[in-house]
Amino acid sequence: MGNPQTAKFGPYDLGRTTVYAATQDPRFSYCLYVPPEFQASRVPPELVVVMHGSARTFTDFRDQFGDFGAAHNVLILCPLFPVSVRGDGNADGYKYISESGIRYDEVLVSIVDEVSDRYGVAFNRFSMFGFSGGAQFTNRFLLLRPERLWAASLCAPGSVTLLSDKDDWWVGTRDLESRFGRALNNNALSRVPVQMLVGSADLDTGEITHRVGGRYWMPGANKAGRSRPERLETLRASLVEAGIHVTHEVLDGVGHDPVPMIGRAKQFLALQLAQIRAHAASSSESASHPTLG
């Protein structure tokens, strides 16, 4: 990994960056916001992954989080998971983590590692924000790889995966280990603060109702509820029952609109960021002044 104090960057590597193809799998790409002075900041940089929804407006999401990145010395990473990666017209594969041999959690981890290497910063843990389809991905990444996250913000997912041993994936987590080779890590999950946001007027069920014969139909597909607010509440209850700290808010009068949710998410992420930095500073201070025996 390069040294962030000596790394050389091109004209499109700082600020609002260009779009990069992922090295390990160029079918996927990403863009970033990188604070131009991230190397000189008195606090080390952190990483926030911002996941697009079905419309794939990933550069728009990057731009909406740019002020947060600049204010807090945070790199904003926005992956692009295109429609029809396998040539079959599937627009939803990333939301469910896997499709036809592709593991989207592994794709994201490899992109994070690539960004870490380019900018000389080891992002062993990061936070995630996801809206709509991106919130589905965030929900499932959280259950699969909680040890990689310091916070997660889920906004208006259409379908949810419950922390439940009564149903198989994707409805529940009963077969998580046999399906993905990763056991549920309850200890790591309990350390990730989770934010959930949804609009009270986000009630259209046409796009989110699973029907027999659909690509992702399975028994229990609609058991979490009929609407997005109902499904998010069911997910909240399943996580809280397992001891996970969840901040849950229904935004009055808001429909399926990411803009008001992004403002709330920035506040949540800023709070979590301040806490992990305070903890890191305290740990560093303790290490510098060990107790005499």
Protein backbone atom coordinates (compact mmCIF):
# COMPACT_ATOMS: atom_id res chain seq x y z
CA MET A 1 0.00 0.00 0.00
CA GLY A 2 1.30 3.47 -0.86
CA ASN A 3 2.25 6.14 1.63
CA PRO A 4 -0.49 8.82 1.75
CA GLN A 5 2.13 11.47 2.48
CA THR A 6 4.03 10.80 -0.73
CA ALA A 7 1.41 9.44 -3.12
CA LYS A 8 1.05 11.26 -6.43
CA PHE A 9 -2.40 11.91 -7.82
CA GLY A 10 -3.57 12.83 -11.29
CA PRO A 11 -5.94 15.71 -12.10
CA TYR A 12 -9.00 13.44 -11.88
CA ASP A 13 -8.12 11.63 -8.64
CA LEU A 14 -9.11 14.38 -6.18
CA GLY A 15 -12.36 16.23 -5.58
CA ARG A 16 -15.09 14.81 -7.80
CA THR A 17 -13.12 12.07 -9.49
CA THR A 18 -13.49 10.43 -12.84
CA VAL A 19 -15.21 7.03 -13.15
CA TYR A 20 -12.90 4.05 -12.69
CA ALA A 21 -13.39 0.48 -13.87
CA ALA A 22 -12.89 -1.97 -11.01
CA THR A 23 -9.54 -3.67 -11.49
CA GLN A 24 -10.63 -7.14 -10.40
CA ASP A 25 -13.83 -7.08 -12.48
CA PRO A 26 -14.14 -4.25 -15.05
CA ARG A 27 -17.86 -4.97 -15.53
CA PHE A 28 -18.25 -2.79 -12.43
CA SER A 29 -17.09 0.75 -11.88
CA TYR A 30 -17.10 3.54 -9.31
CA CYS A 31 -16.48 7.21 -8.70
CA LEU A 32 -15.37 9.09 -5.59
CA TYR A 33 -15.31 12.37 -3.84
CA VAL A 34 -11.84 12.78 -2.33
CA PRO A 35 -11.14 15.85 -0.16
CA PRO A 36 -8.24 17.55 -1.98
CA GLU A 37 -6.37 18.11 1.30
CA PHE A 38 -7.17 14.75 2.87
CA GLN A 39 -3.46 14.04 3.43
CA ALA A 40 -2.90 17.23 5.43
CA SER A 41 -5.88 16.95 7.76
CA ARG A 42 -5.26 16.64 11.50
CA VAL A 43 -7.68 13.68 11.55
CA PRO A 44 -7.13 10.58 9.41
CA PRO A 45 -9.57 10.08 6.54
CA GLU A 46 -12.48 7.66 6.74
CA LEU A 47 -14.63 6.10 4.03
CA VAL A 48 -18.38 6.22 3.37
CA VAL A 49 -19.79 3.91 0.70
CA VAL A 50 -22.93 5.35 -0.93
CA MET A 51 -25.07 2.81 -2.80
CA HIS A 52 -27.31 3.81 -5.68
CA GLY A 53 -30.86 2.61 -6.22
CA SER A 54 -32.46 1.12 -9.32
CA ALA A 55 -31.93 4.29 -11.38
CA ARG A 56 -28.12 3.96 -10.95
CA THR A 57 -27.63 7.73 -10.49
CA PHE A 58 -24.37 7.05 -8.70
CA THR A 59 -22.62 10.30 -9.62
CA ASP A 60 -25.60 12.30 -8.32
CA PHE A 61 -25.34 10.53 -4.97
CA ARG A 62 -21.60 11.23 -4.93
CA ASP A 63 -22.25 14.93 -5.49
CA GLN A 64 -24.88 15.09 -2.75
CA PHE A 65 -22.40 13.67 -0.24
CA GLY A 66 -19.47 15.80 -1.41
CA ASP A 67 -20.02 18.52 1.21
CA PHE A 68 -20.04 15.87 3.93
CA GLY A 69 -16.76 14.47 2.65
CA ALA A 70 -15.15 17.90 2.56
CA ALA A 71 -16.37 18.88 6.04
CA HIS A 72 -15.31 15.65 7.76
CA ASN A 73 -12.26 14.50 5.77
CA VAL A 74 -14.16 11.51 4.41
CA LEU A 75 -13.76 9.82 1.04
CA ILE A 76 -17.12 9.11 -0.60
CA LEU A 77 -17.15 5.94 -2.70
CA CYS A 78 -20.07 5.34 -5.07
CA PRO A 79 -20.00 1.99 -6.90
CA LEU A 80 -21.96 1.33 -10.09
CA PHE A 81 -23.56 -2.10 -10.42
CA PRO A 82 -25.13 -1.99 -13.92
CA VAL A 83 -28.32 -3.61 -15.15
CA SER A 84 -27.95 -6.90 -17.05
CA VAL A 85 -24.39 -7.75 -16.03
CA ARG A 86 -25.01 -11.33 -17.18
CA GLY A 87 -26.85 -10.25 -20.34
CA ASP A 88 -30.20 -11.46 -19.03
CA GLY A 89 -31.89 -8.15 -18.29
CA ASN A 90 -31.69 -8.58 -14.52
CA ALA A 91 -31.84 -5.15 -12.87
CA ASP A 92 -31.93 -6.40 -9.28
CA GLY A 93 -29.04 -8.84 -8.81
CA TYR A 94 -26.89 -6.58 -6.64
CA LYS A 95 -29.78 -5.96 -4.26
CA TYR A 96 -29.77 -9.63 -3.26
CA ILE A 97 -25.95 -9.88 -3.00
CA SER A 98 -25.47 -12.64 -5.56
CA GLU A 99 -26.50 -13.65 -9.07
CA SER A 100 -25.16 -16.31 -11.41
CA GLY A 101 -21.72 -16.59 -9.84
CA ILE A 102 -21.32 -12.90 -8.95
CA ARG A 103 -20.92 -12.01 -5.27
CA TYR A 104 -21.58 -8.30 -4.99
CA ASP A 105 -20.31 -8.12 -1.42
CA GLU A 106 -16.96 -9.42 -2.68
CA VAL A 107 -17.02 -6.93 -5.57
CA LEU A 108 -17.51 -4.07 -3.14
CA VAL A 109 -14.75 -5.27 -0.80
CA SER A 110 -12.35 -5.51 -3.74
CA ILE A 111 -13.22 -1.95 -4.80
CA VAL A 112 -12.66 -0.69 -1.24
CA ASP A 113 -9.28 -2.44 -1.23
CA GLU A 114 -8.44 -0.81 -4.56
CA VAL A 115 -9.33 2.63 -3.20
CA SER A 116 -7.29 1.92 -0.06
CA ASP A 117 -4.28 1.08 -2.20
CA ARG A 118 -4.63 4.10 -4.51
CA TYR A 119 -4.90 6.61 -1.67
CA GLY A 120 -2.61 4.89 0.80
CA VAL A 121 -5.21 4.55 3.56
CA ALA A 122 -6.28 1.21 5.04
CA PHE A 123 -10.07 1.36 5.10
CA ASN A 124 -10.54 -1.82 7.12
CA ARG A 125 -13.90 -0.53 8.26
CA PHE A 126 -16.22 1.93 6.57
CA SER A 127 -19.81 3.09 6.74
CA MET A 128 -22.59 2.59 4.20
CA PHE A 129 -25.58 4.59 3.05
CA GLY A 130 -28.12 3.05 0.71
CA PHE A 131 -31.35 4.36 -0.78
CA SER A 132 -34.10 2.07 -2.14
CA GLY A 133 -32.32 -0.76 -3.98
CA GLY A 134 -29.08 0.46 -2.42
CA ALA A 135 -30.68 0.07 1.01
CA GLN A 136 -31.49 -3.54 0.15
CA PHE A 137 -27.82 -4.11 -0.62
CA THR A 138 -26.79 -2.32 2.57
CA ASN A 139 -29.21 -4.41 4.64
CA ARG A 140 -27.75 -7.65 3.29
CA PHE A 141 -24.11 -6.53 3.36
CA LEU A 142 -24.63 -5.63 7.03
CA LEU A 143 -25.82 -9.17 7.78
CA LEU A 144 -22.99 -10.79 5.82
CA ARG A 145 -20.03 -8.58 6.72
CA PRO A 146 -20.76 -6.51 9.83
CA GLU A 147 -17.10 -6.59 10.84
CA ARG A 148 -16.35 -4.25 7.89
CA LEU A 149 -18.79 -1.53 9.01
CA TRP A 150 -18.73 1.23 11.61
CA ALA A 151 -22.26 2.41 10.70
CA ALA A 152 -25.08 1.68 8.26
CA SER A 153 -27.89 3.94 7.03
CA LEU A 154 -30.82 2.23 5.26
CA CYS A 155 -33.33 4.43 3.48
CA ALA A 156 -36.61 3.12 2.03
CA PRO A 157 -35.68 -0.41 0.91
CA GLY A 158 -38.31 -2.17 -1.17
CA SER A 159 -37.58 -5.64 0.26
CA VAL A 160 -35.74 -6.55 3.42
CA THR A 161 -33.85 -9.53 4.80
CA LEU A 162 -34.76 -10.15 8.42
CA LEU A 163 -32.35 -11.35 11.05
CA SER A 164 -34.29 -14.58 11.40
CA ASP A 165 -33.50 -18.29 11.66
CA LYS A 166 -37.03 -19.17 10.54
CA ASP A 167 -36.53 -18.42 6.85
CA ASP A 168 -33.86 -19.05 4.23
CA TRP A 169 -32.10 -16.27 2.30
CA TRP A 170 -33.17 -13.79 1.11
CA VAL A 171 -36.21 -13.55 3.40
CA GLY A 172 -34.19 -14.61 6.46
CA THR A 173 -30.73 -15.74 7.50
CA ARG A 174 -31.25 -19.41 8.37
CA ASP A 175 -29.00 -20.76 5.61
CA LEU A 176 -26.54 -17.87 5.57
CA GLU A 177 -23.45 -20.00 6.25
CA SER A 178 -24.29 -22.81 3.83
CA ARG A 179 -25.17 -20.33 1.09
CA PHE A 180 -22.34 -17.82 1.47
CA GLY A 181 -19.72 -19.61 3.58
CA ARG A 182 -20.02 -16.94 6.26
CA ALA A 183 -21.69 -17.55 9.61
CA LEU A 184 -23.80 -14.84 11.19
CA ASN A 185 -21.49 -12.71 13.34
CA ASN A 186 -23.74 -11.50 16.13
CA ASN A 187 -20.90 -9.89 18.09
CA ALA A 188 -19.86 -7.75 15.14
CA LEU A 189 -23.50 -6.94 14.31
CA SER A 190 -24.12 -5.66 17.82
CA ARG A 191 -21.31 -3.12 17.36
CA VAL A 192 -22.74 -1.51 14.22
CA PRO A 193 -25.16 1.38 14.82
CA VAL A 194 -27.95 1.31 12.23
CA GLN A 195 -30.13 4.12 10.96
CA MET A 196 -33.44 3.47 9.20
CA LEU A 197 -35.36 6.17 7.32
CA VAL A 198 -38.55 6.02 5.25
CA GLY A 199 -41.22 8.50 4.16
CA SER A 200 -44.74 8.21 5.55
CA ALA A 201 -46.09 8.79 2.02
CA ASP A 202 -43.86 6.13 0.41
CA LEU A 203 -46.78 3.75 -0.01
CA ASP A 204 -46.77 2.62 -3.65
CA THR A 205 -46.49 -1.17 -3.61
CA GLY A 206 -46.49 -1.82 -7.36
CA GLU A 207 -42.71 -2.18 -7.66
CA ILE A 208 -42.07 -4.01 -4.41
CA THR A 209 -44.74 -6.72 -4.24
CA HIS A 210 -43.29 -10.15 -5.02
CA ARG A 211 -45.48 -12.41 -7.12
CA VAL A 212 -45.38 -16.12 -7.90
CA GLY A 213 -43.14 -16.66 -10.93
CA GLY A 214 -41.09 -13.53 -10.29
CA ARG A 215 -37.30 -13.76 -10.35
CA TYR A 216 -37.01 -13.34 -6.58
CA TRP A 217 -40.25 -14.95 -5.50
CA MET A 218 -39.99 -17.38 -2.59
CA PRO A 219 -42.26 -18.36 0.29
CA GLY A 220 -42.47 -15.48 2.73
CA ALA A 221 -41.33 -12.91 0.17
CA ASN A 222 -43.96 -10.41 1.33
CA LYS A 223 -44.09 -11.41 5.00
CA ALA A 224 -42.31 -8.29 6.27
CA GLY A 225 -45.25 -6.14 5.27
CA ARG A 226 -47.06 -4.60 2.36
CA SER A 227 -45.40 -1.18 2.07
CA ARG A 228 -41.89 0.19 2.57
CA PRO A 229 -42.72 1.69 5.99
CA GLU A 230 -44.17 -1.64 7.16
CA ARG A 231 -41.20 -3.63 5.90
CA LEU A 232 -38.65 -1.31 7.44
CA GLU A 233 -40.44 -1.51 10.79
CA THR A 234 -40.35 -5.31 10.63
CA LEU A 235 -36.62 -5.21 9.88
CA ARG A 236 -36.08 -2.78 12.77
CA ALA A 237 -37.86 -5.13 15.16
CA SER A 238 -35.78 -8.13 14.04
CA LEU A 239 -32.52 -6.26 14.58
CA VAL A 240 -33.51 -4.74 17.92
CA GLU A 241 -34.54 -8.16 19.19
CA ALA A 242 -30.98 -9.32 18.46
CA GLY A 243 -29.48 -6.46 20.48
CA ILE A 244 -28.56 -4.13 17.60
CA HIS A 245 -28.89 -0.38 18.20
CA VAL A 246 -31.29 1.06 15.62
CA THR A 247 -32.32 4.67 15.05
CA HIS A 248 -35.62 4.62 13.18
CA GLU A 249 -37.50 7.59 11.74
CA VAL A 250 -40.56 7.96 9.52
CA LEU A 251 -40.40 11.30 7.69
CA ASP A 252 -43.85 12.87 7.68
CA GLY A 253 -45.26 13.54 4.20
CA VAL A 254 -42.15 12.34 2.36
CA GLY A 255 -42.52 9.98 -0.58
CA HIS A 256 -39.85 7.92 -2.33
CA ASP A 257 -37.35 10.77 -2.35
CA PRO A 258 -33.71 10.44 -1.24
CA VAL A 259 -33.01 14.15 -0.74
CA PRO A 260 -34.61 14.68 2.71
CA MET A 261 -33.16 11.37 3.85
CA ILE A 262 -29.63 12.28 2.82
CA GLY A 263 -29.70 15.26 5.18
CA ARG A 264 -30.74 13.02 8.10
CA ALA A 265 -28.15 10.42 7.11
CA LYS A 266 -25.34 12.99 7.14
CA GLN A 267 -26.28 13.95 10.71
CA PHE A 268 -26.27 10.31 11.78
CA LEU A 269 -22.97 9.53 10.08
CA ALA A 270 -21.35 12.67 11.51
CA LEU A 271 -22.32 11.55 15.01
CA GLN A 272 -20.95 8.04 14.50
CA LEU A 273 -17.79 9.42 12.92
CA ALA A 274 -17.18 11.73 15.87
CA GLN A 275 -17.56 8.81 18.25
CA ILE A 276 -15.12 6.50 16.47
CA ARG A 277 -12.58 9.30 16.15
CA ALA A 278 -12.93 10.16 19.84
CA HIS A 279 -12.42 6.49 20.70
CA ALA A 280 -9.37 6.29 18.43
CA ALA A 281 -7.89 9.43 19.99
CA SER A 282 -8.50 8.07 23.49
CA SER A 283 -6.87 4.76 22.62
CA SER A 284 -3.88 6.55 21.12
CA GLU A 285 -3.52 8.72 24.21
CA SER A 286 -3.64 5.66 26.47
CA ALA A 287 -0.98 3.93 24.37
CA SER A 288 1.26 7.00 24.60
CA HIS A 289 0.94 7.14 28.38
CA PRO A 290 0.85 3.54 29.67
CA THR A 291 0.00 2.96 33.31
CA LEU A 292 3.09 2.21 35.35
CA GLY A 293 3.09 -1.19 37.06
